[in-house]
């Protein structure tokens, strides 16, 4: 169980590093008007949801 958490942690670190390099994903909506910026991370939310679903699926298979 401990090794699995280490692997999951490494995966999250890699995802975080890639996310910092990419910035926002194509499909995220940004409205800018004057001094106001509204950001809707739709595609980012979908990607995070898929990744977390896969992680929890893998954890469930090992239990």
PDB file of N, CA and C in Angstrom:
ATOM      1  N   UNK A   1       0.833  -1.198   0.000  1.00  0.00           N
ATOM      2  CA  UNK A   1       0.000   0.000   0.000  1.00  0.00           C
ATOM      3  C   UNK A   1       0.874   1.256   0.000  1.00  0.00           C
ATOM      4  N   UNK A   2       1.985   1.207   0.729  1.00  0.00           N
ATOM      5  CA  UNK A   2       2.870   2.366   0.781  1.00  0.00           C
ATOM      6  C   UNK A   2       3.502   2.682  -0.560  1.00  0.00           C
ATOM      7  N   UNK A   3       3.892   1.638  -1.288  1.00  0.00           N
ATOM      8  CA  UNK A   3       4.503   1.843  -2.610  1.00  0.00           C
ATOM      9  C   UNK A   3       3.506   2.473  -3.573  1.00  0.00           C
ATOM     10  N   UNK A   4       2.240   2.081  -3.447  1.00  0.00           N
ATOM     11  CA  UNK A   4       1.211   2.632  -4.321  1.00  0.00           C
ATOM     12  C   UNK A   4       1.062   4.137  -4.077  1.00  0.00           C
ATOM     13  N   UNK A   5       1.102   4.561  -2.800  1.00  0.00           N
ATOM     14  CA  UNK A   5       0.994   5.989  -2.500  1.00  0.00           C
ATOM     15  C   UNK A   5       2.207   6.758  -3.027  1.00  0.00           C
ATOM     16  N   UNK A   6       3.374   6.149  -2.990  1.00  0.00           N
ATOM     17  CA  UNK A   6       4.558   6.803  -3.534  1.00  0.00           C
ATOM     18  C   UNK A   6       4.407   6.993  -5.043  1.00  0.00           C
ATOM     19  N   UNK A   7       3.939   5.965  -5.735  1.00  0.00           N
ATOM     20  CA  UNK A   7       3.736   6.061  -7.186  1.00  0.00           C
ATOM     21  C   UNK A   7       2.685   7.114  -7.512  1.00  0.00           C
ATOM     22  N   UNK A   8       1.588   7.122  -6.778  1.00  0.00           N
ATOM     23  CA  UNK A   8       0.540   8.117  -7.015  1.00  0.00           C
ATOM     24  C   UNK A   8       1.072   9.524  -6.757  1.00  0.00           C
ATOM     25  N   UNK A   9       1.892   9.687  -5.722  1.00  0.00           N
ATOM     26  CA  UNK A   9       2.489  10.982  -5.434  1.00  0.00           C
ATOM     27  C   UNK A   9       3.397  11.451  -6.556  1.00  0.00           C
ATOM     28  N   UNK A  10       4.198  10.537  -7.087  1.00  0.00           N
ATOM     29  CA  UNK A  10       5.085  10.885  -8.199  1.00  0.00           C
ATOM     30  C   UNK A  10       4.266  11.281  -9.426  1.00  0.00           C
ATOM     31  N   UNK A  11       3.179  10.562  -9.682  1.00  0.00           N
ATOM     32  CA  UNK A  11       2.310  10.898 -10.813  1.00  0.00           C
ATOM     33  C   UNK A  11       1.723  12.298 -10.637  1.00  0.00           C
ATOM     34  N   UNK A  12       1.265  12.624  -9.428  1.00  0.00           N
ATOM     35  CA  UNK A  12       0.707  13.955  -9.186  1.00  0.00           C
ATOM     36  C   UNK A  12       1.762  15.046  -9.351  1.00  0.00           C
ATOM     37  N   UNK A  13       2.996  14.786  -8.923  1.00  0.00           N
ATOM     38  CA  UNK A  13       4.066  15.766  -9.110  1.00  0.00           C
ATOM     39  C   UNK A  13       4.325  15.984 -10.595  1.00  0.00           C
ATOM     40  N   UNK A  14       4.372  14.901 -11.375  1.00  0.00           N
ATOM     41  CA  UNK A  14       4.582  15.036 -12.815  1.00  0.00           C
ATOM     42  C   UNK A  14       3.449  15.798 -13.484  1.00  0.00           C
ATOM     43  N   UNK A  15       2.222  15.498 -13.089  1.00  0.00           N
ATOM     44  CA  UNK A  15       1.078  16.223 -13.647  1.00  0.00           C
ATOM     45  C   UNK A  15       1.171  17.706 -13.294  1.00  0.00           C
ATOM     46  N   UNK A  16       1.553  18.010 -12.071  1.00  0.00           N
ATOM     47  CA  UNK A  16       1.700  19.402 -11.652  1.00  0.00           C
ATOM     48  C   UNK A  16       2.769  20.134 -12.441  1.00  0.00           C
ATOM     49  N   UNK A  17       3.897  19.463 -12.694  1.00  0.00           N
ATOM     50  CA  UNK A  17       4.957  20.093 -13.478  1.00  0.00           C
ATOM     51  C   UNK A  17       4.515  20.346 -14.917  1.00  0.00           C
ATOM     52  N   UNK A  18       3.841  19.372 -15.504  1.00  0.00           N
ATOM     53  CA  UNK A  18       3.344  19.544 -16.872  1.00  0.00           C
ATOM     54  C   UNK A  18       2.319  20.669 -16.927  1.00  0.00           C
ATOM     55  N   UNK A  19       1.464  20.729 -15.915  1.00  0.00           N
ATOM     56  CA  UNK A  19       0.427  21.755 -15.861  1.00  0.00           C
ATOM     57  C   UNK A  19       1.051  23.146 -15.784  1.00  0.00           C
ATOM     58  N   UNK A  20       2.150  23.288 -15.031  1.00  0.00           N
ATOM     59  CA  UNK A  20       2.825  24.578 -14.936  1.00  0.00           C
ATOM     60  C   UNK A  20       3.430  24.984 -16.276  1.00  0.00           C
ATOM     61  N   UNK A  21       3.933  24.016 -17.025  1.00  0.00           N
ATOM     62  CA  UNK A  21       4.537  24.326 -18.312  1.00  0.00           C
ATOM     63  C   UNK A  21       3.498  24.706 -19.354  1.00  0.00           C
ATOM     64  N   UNK A  22       2.362  24.006 -19.331  1.00  0.00           N
ATOM     65  CA  UNK A  22       1.324  24.237 -20.339  1.00  0.00           C
ATOM     66  C   UNK A  22       0.525  25.501 -20.027  1.00  0.00           C
ATOM     67  N   UNK A  23       0.251  25.740 -18.749  1.00  0.00           N
ATOM     68  CA  UNK A  23      -0.608  26.861 -18.375  1.00  0.00           C
ATOM     69  C   UNK A  23      -2.060  26.432 -18.468  1.00  0.00           C
ATOM     70  N   UNK A  24      -2.843  27.157 -19.202  1.00  0.00           N
ATOM     71  CA  UNK A  24      -4.243  26.767 -19.357  1.00  0.00           C
ATOM     72  C   UNK A  24      -4.391  25.876 -20.578  1.00  0.00           C
ATOM     73  N   UNK A  25      -5.360  25.011 -20.545  1.00  0.00           N
ATOM     74  CA  UNK A  25      -5.595  24.090 -21.654  1.00  0.00           C
ATOM     75  C   UNK A  25      -6.481  24.741 -22.712  1.00  0.00           C
ATOM     76  N   UNK A  26      -6.346  24.313 -23.963  1.00  0.00           N
ATOM     77  CA  UNK A  26      -7.261  24.806 -24.991  1.00  0.00           C
ATOM     78  C   UNK A  26      -8.688  24.370 -24.644  1.00  0.00           C
ATOM     79  N   UNK A  27      -9.619  25.245 -24.759  1.00  0.00           N
ATOM     80  CA  UNK A  27     -11.000  24.937 -24.410  1.00  0.00           C
ATOM     81  C   UNK A  27     -11.419  25.619 -23.127  1.00  0.00           C
ATOM     82  N   UNK A  28     -10.455  26.102 -22.339  1.00  0.00           N
ATOM     83  CA  UNK A  28     -10.796  26.892 -21.159  1.00  0.00           C
ATOM     84  C   UNK A  28     -11.233  28.270 -21.636  1.00  0.00           C
ATOM     85  N   UNK A  29     -12.264  28.803 -21.016  1.00  0.00           N
ATOM     86  CA  UNK A  29     -12.871  30.046 -21.470  1.00  0.00           C
ATOM     87  C   UNK A  29     -12.382  31.203 -20.596  1.00  0.00           C
ATOM     88  N   UNK A  30     -11.914  32.272 -21.235  1.00  0.00           N
ATOM     89  CA  UNK A  30     -11.439  33.453 -20.523  1.00  0.00           C
ATOM     90  C   UNK A  30     -12.134  34.677 -21.102  1.00  0.00           C
ATOM     91  N   UNK A  31     -12.792  35.441 -20.223  1.00  0.00           N
ATOM     92  CA  UNK A  31     -13.394  36.714 -20.621  1.00  0.00           C
ATOM     93  C   UNK A  31     -12.598  37.831 -19.971  1.00  0.00           C
ATOM     94  N   UNK A  32     -12.132  38.791 -20.798  1.00  0.00           N
ATOM     95  CA  UNK A  32     -11.407  39.947 -20.279  1.00  0.00           C
ATOM     96  C   UNK A  32     -12.135  41.205 -20.732  1.00  0.00           C
ATOM     97  N   UNK A  33     -12.460  42.041 -19.765  1.00  0.00           N
ATOM     98  CA  UNK A  33     -13.090  43.316 -20.087  1.00  0.00           C
ATOM     99  C   UNK A  33     -12.604  44.339 -19.067  1.00  0.00           C
ATOM    100  N   UNK A  34     -11.826  45.262 -19.533  1.00  0.00           N
ATOM    101  CA  UNK A  34     -11.282  46.271 -18.634  1.00  0.00           C
ATOM    102  C   UNK A  34     -10.321  45.636 -17.639  1.00  0.00           C
ATOM    103  N   UNK A  35     -10.565  45.889 -16.358  1.00  0.00           N
ATOM    104  CA  UNK A  35      -9.722  45.331 -15.295  1.00  0.00           C
ATOM    105  C   UNK A  35     -10.241  44.006 -14.765  1.00  0.00           C
ATOM    106  N   UNK A  36     -11.279  43.471 -15.377  1.00  0.00           N
ATOM    107  CA  UNK A  36     -11.905  42.249 -14.879  1.00  0.00           C
ATOM    108  C   UNK A  36     -11.588  41.083 -15.811  1.00  0.00           C
ATOM    109  N   UNK A  37     -11.205  39.967 -15.210  1.00  0.00           N
ATOM    110  CA  UNK A  37     -10.958  38.734 -15.961  1.00  0.00           C
ATOM    111  C   UNK A  37     -11.749  37.617 -15.316  1.00  0.00           C
ATOM    112  N   UNK A  38     -12.543  36.903 -16.103  1.00  0.00           N
ATOM    113  CA  UNK A  38     -13.314  35.758 -15.619  1.00  0.00           C
ATOM    114  C   UNK A  38     -12.799  34.527 -16.353  1.00  0.00           C
ATOM    115  N   UNK A  39     -12.444  33.497 -15.597  1.00  0.00           N
ATOM    116  CA  UNK A  39     -11.817  32.294 -16.143  1.00  0.00           C
ATOM    117  C   UNK A  39     -12.674  31.085 -15.808  1.00  0.00           C
ATOM    118  N   UNK A  40     -13.103  30.343 -16.830  1.00  0.00           N
ATOM    119  CA  UNK A  40     -13.873  29.116 -16.653  1.00  0.00           C
ATOM    120  C   UNK A  40     -13.027  27.937 -17.135  1.00  0.00           C
ATOM    121  N   UNK A  41     -12.413  27.168 -16.211  1.00  0.00           N
ATOM    122  CA  UNK A  41     -11.528  26.065 -16.614  1.00  0.00           C
ATOM    123  C   UNK A  41     -12.304  24.785 -16.919  1.00  0.00           C
ATOM    124  N   UNK A  42     -13.094  24.790 -17.971  1.00  0.00           N
ATOM    125  CA  UNK A  42     -13.963  23.658 -18.294  1.00  0.00           C
ATOM    126  C   UNK A  42     -13.141  22.429 -18.674  1.00  0.00           C
ATOM    127  N   UNK A  43     -12.227  22.565 -19.619  1.00  0.00           N
ATOM    128  CA  UNK A  43     -11.428  21.427 -20.083  1.00  0.00           C
ATOM    129  C   UNK A  43     -10.516  20.940 -18.959  1.00  0.00           C
ATOM    130  N   UNK A  44      -9.947  21.861 -18.200  1.00  0.00           N
ATOM    131  CA  UNK A  44      -9.097  21.484 -17.080  1.00  0.00           C
ATOM    132  C   UNK A  44      -9.879  20.668 -16.060  1.00  0.00           C
ATOM    133  N   UNK A  45     -11.114  21.056 -15.787  1.00  0.00           N
ATOM    134  CA  UNK A  45     -11.949  20.307 -14.842  1.00  0.00           C
ATOM    135  C   UNK A  45     -12.231  18.897 -15.350  1.00  0.00           C
ATOM    136  N   UNK A  46     -12.475  18.763 -16.639  1.00  0.00           N
ATOM    137  CA  UNK A  46     -12.728  17.444 -17.216  1.00  0.00           C
ATOM    138  C   UNK A  46     -11.486  16.565 -17.110  1.00  0.00           C
ATOM    139  N   UNK A  47     -10.325  17.127 -17.422  1.00  0.00           N
ATOM    140  CA  UNK A  47      -9.073  16.359 -17.347  1.00  0.00           C
ATOM    141  C   UNK A  47      -8.796  15.925 -15.917  1.00  0.00           C
ATOM    142  N   UNK A  48      -8.955  16.821 -14.961  1.00  0.00           N
ATOM    143  CA  UNK A  48      -8.741  16.474 -13.549  1.00  0.00           C
ATOM    144  C   UNK A  48      -9.716  15.394 -13.116  1.00  0.00           C
ATOM    145  N   UNK A  49     -10.957  15.483 -13.547  1.00  0.00           N
ATOM    146  CA  UNK A  49     -11.958  14.480 -13.203  1.00  0.00           C
ATOM    147  C   UNK A  49     -11.578  13.107 -13.740  1.00  0.00           C
ATOM    148  N   UNK A  50     -11.123  13.057 -14.975  1.00  0.00           N
ATOM    149  CA  UNK A  50     -10.721  11.777 -15.576  1.00  0.00           C
ATOM    150  C   UNK A  50      -9.522  11.190 -14.846  1.00  0.00           C
ATOM    151  N   UNK A  51      -8.529  12.015 -14.563  1.00  0.00           N
ATOM    152  CA  UNK A  51      -7.330  11.538 -13.863  1.00  0.00           C
ATOM    153  C   UNK A  51      -7.688  11.010 -12.486  1.00  0.00           C
ATOM    154  N   UNK A  52      -8.485  11.757 -11.729  1.00  0.00           N
ATOM    155  CA  UNK A  52      -8.876  11.294 -10.394  1.00  0.00           C
ATOM    156  C   UNK A  52      -9.720  10.024 -10.460  1.00  0.00           C
ATOM    157  N   UNK A  53     -10.580   9.910 -11.456  1.00  0.00           N
ATOM    158  CA  UNK A  53     -11.366   8.684 -11.617  1.00  0.00           C
ATOM    159  C   UNK A  53     -10.462   7.488 -11.870  1.00  0.00           C
ATOM    160  N   UNK A  54      -9.450   7.671 -12.709  1.00  0.00           N
ATOM    161  CA  UNK A  54      -8.502   6.583 -12.960  1.00  0.00           C
ATOM    162  C   UNK A  54      -7.709   6.214 -11.710  1.00  0.00           C
ATOM    163  N   UNK A  55      -7.280   7.219 -10.959  1.00  0.00           N
ATOM    164  CA  UNK A  55      -6.524   6.954  -9.725  1.00  0.00           C
ATOM    165  C   UNK A  55      -7.376   6.174  -8.740  1.00  0.00           C
ATOM    166  N   UNK A  56      -8.610   6.594  -8.530  1.00  0.00           N
ATOM    167  CA  UNK A  56      -9.473   5.896  -7.583  1.00  0.00           C
ATOM    168  C   UNK A  56      -9.849   4.506  -8.081  1.00  0.00           C
ATOM    169  N   UNK A  57      -9.950   4.330  -9.407  1.00  0.00           N
ATOM    170  CA  UNK A  57     -10.215   3.012  -9.961  1.00  0.00           C
ATOM    171  C   UNK A  57      -9.051   2.072  -9.664  1.00  0.00           C
ATOM    172  N   UNK A  58      -7.832   2.557  -9.866  1.00  0.00           N
ATOM    173  CA  UNK A  58      -6.642   1.748  -9.600  1.00  0.00           C
ATOM    174  C   UNK A  58      -6.545   1.410  -8.114  1.00  0.00           C
ATOM    175  N   UNK A  59      -6.817   2.367  -7.252  1.00  0.00           N
ATOM    176  CA  UNK A  59      -6.787   2.118  -5.807  1.00  0.00           C
ATOM    177  C   UNK A  59      -7.838   1.077  -5.450  1.00  0.00           C
ATOM    178  N   UNK A  60      -9.019   1.182  -6.047  1.00  0.00           N
ATOM    179  CA  UNK A  60     -10.086   0.208  -5.782  1.00  0.00           C
ATOM    180  C   UNK A  60      -9.739  -1.203  -6.239  1.00  0.00           C
ATOM    181  N   UNK A  61      -9.005  -1.294  -7.329  1.00  0.00           N
ATOM    182  CA  UNK A  61      -8.603  -2.633  -7.835  1.00  0.00           C
ATOM    183  C   UNK A  61      -7.606  -3.301  -6.902  1.00  0.00           C
ATOM    184  N   UNK A  62      -6.764  -2.517  -6.214  1.00  0.00           N
ATOM    185  CA  UNK A  62      -5.773  -3.082  -5.308  1.00  0.00           C
ATOM    186  C   UNK A  62      -6.352  -3.448  -3.949  1.00  0.00           C
ATOM    187  N   UNK A  63      -7.514  -2.947  -3.612  1.00  0.00           N
ATOM    188  CA  UNK A  63      -8.098  -3.219  -2.285  1.00  0.00           C
ATOM    189  C   UNK A  63      -8.750  -4.532  -2.256  1.00  0.00           C
TER     190      UNK A  63
END
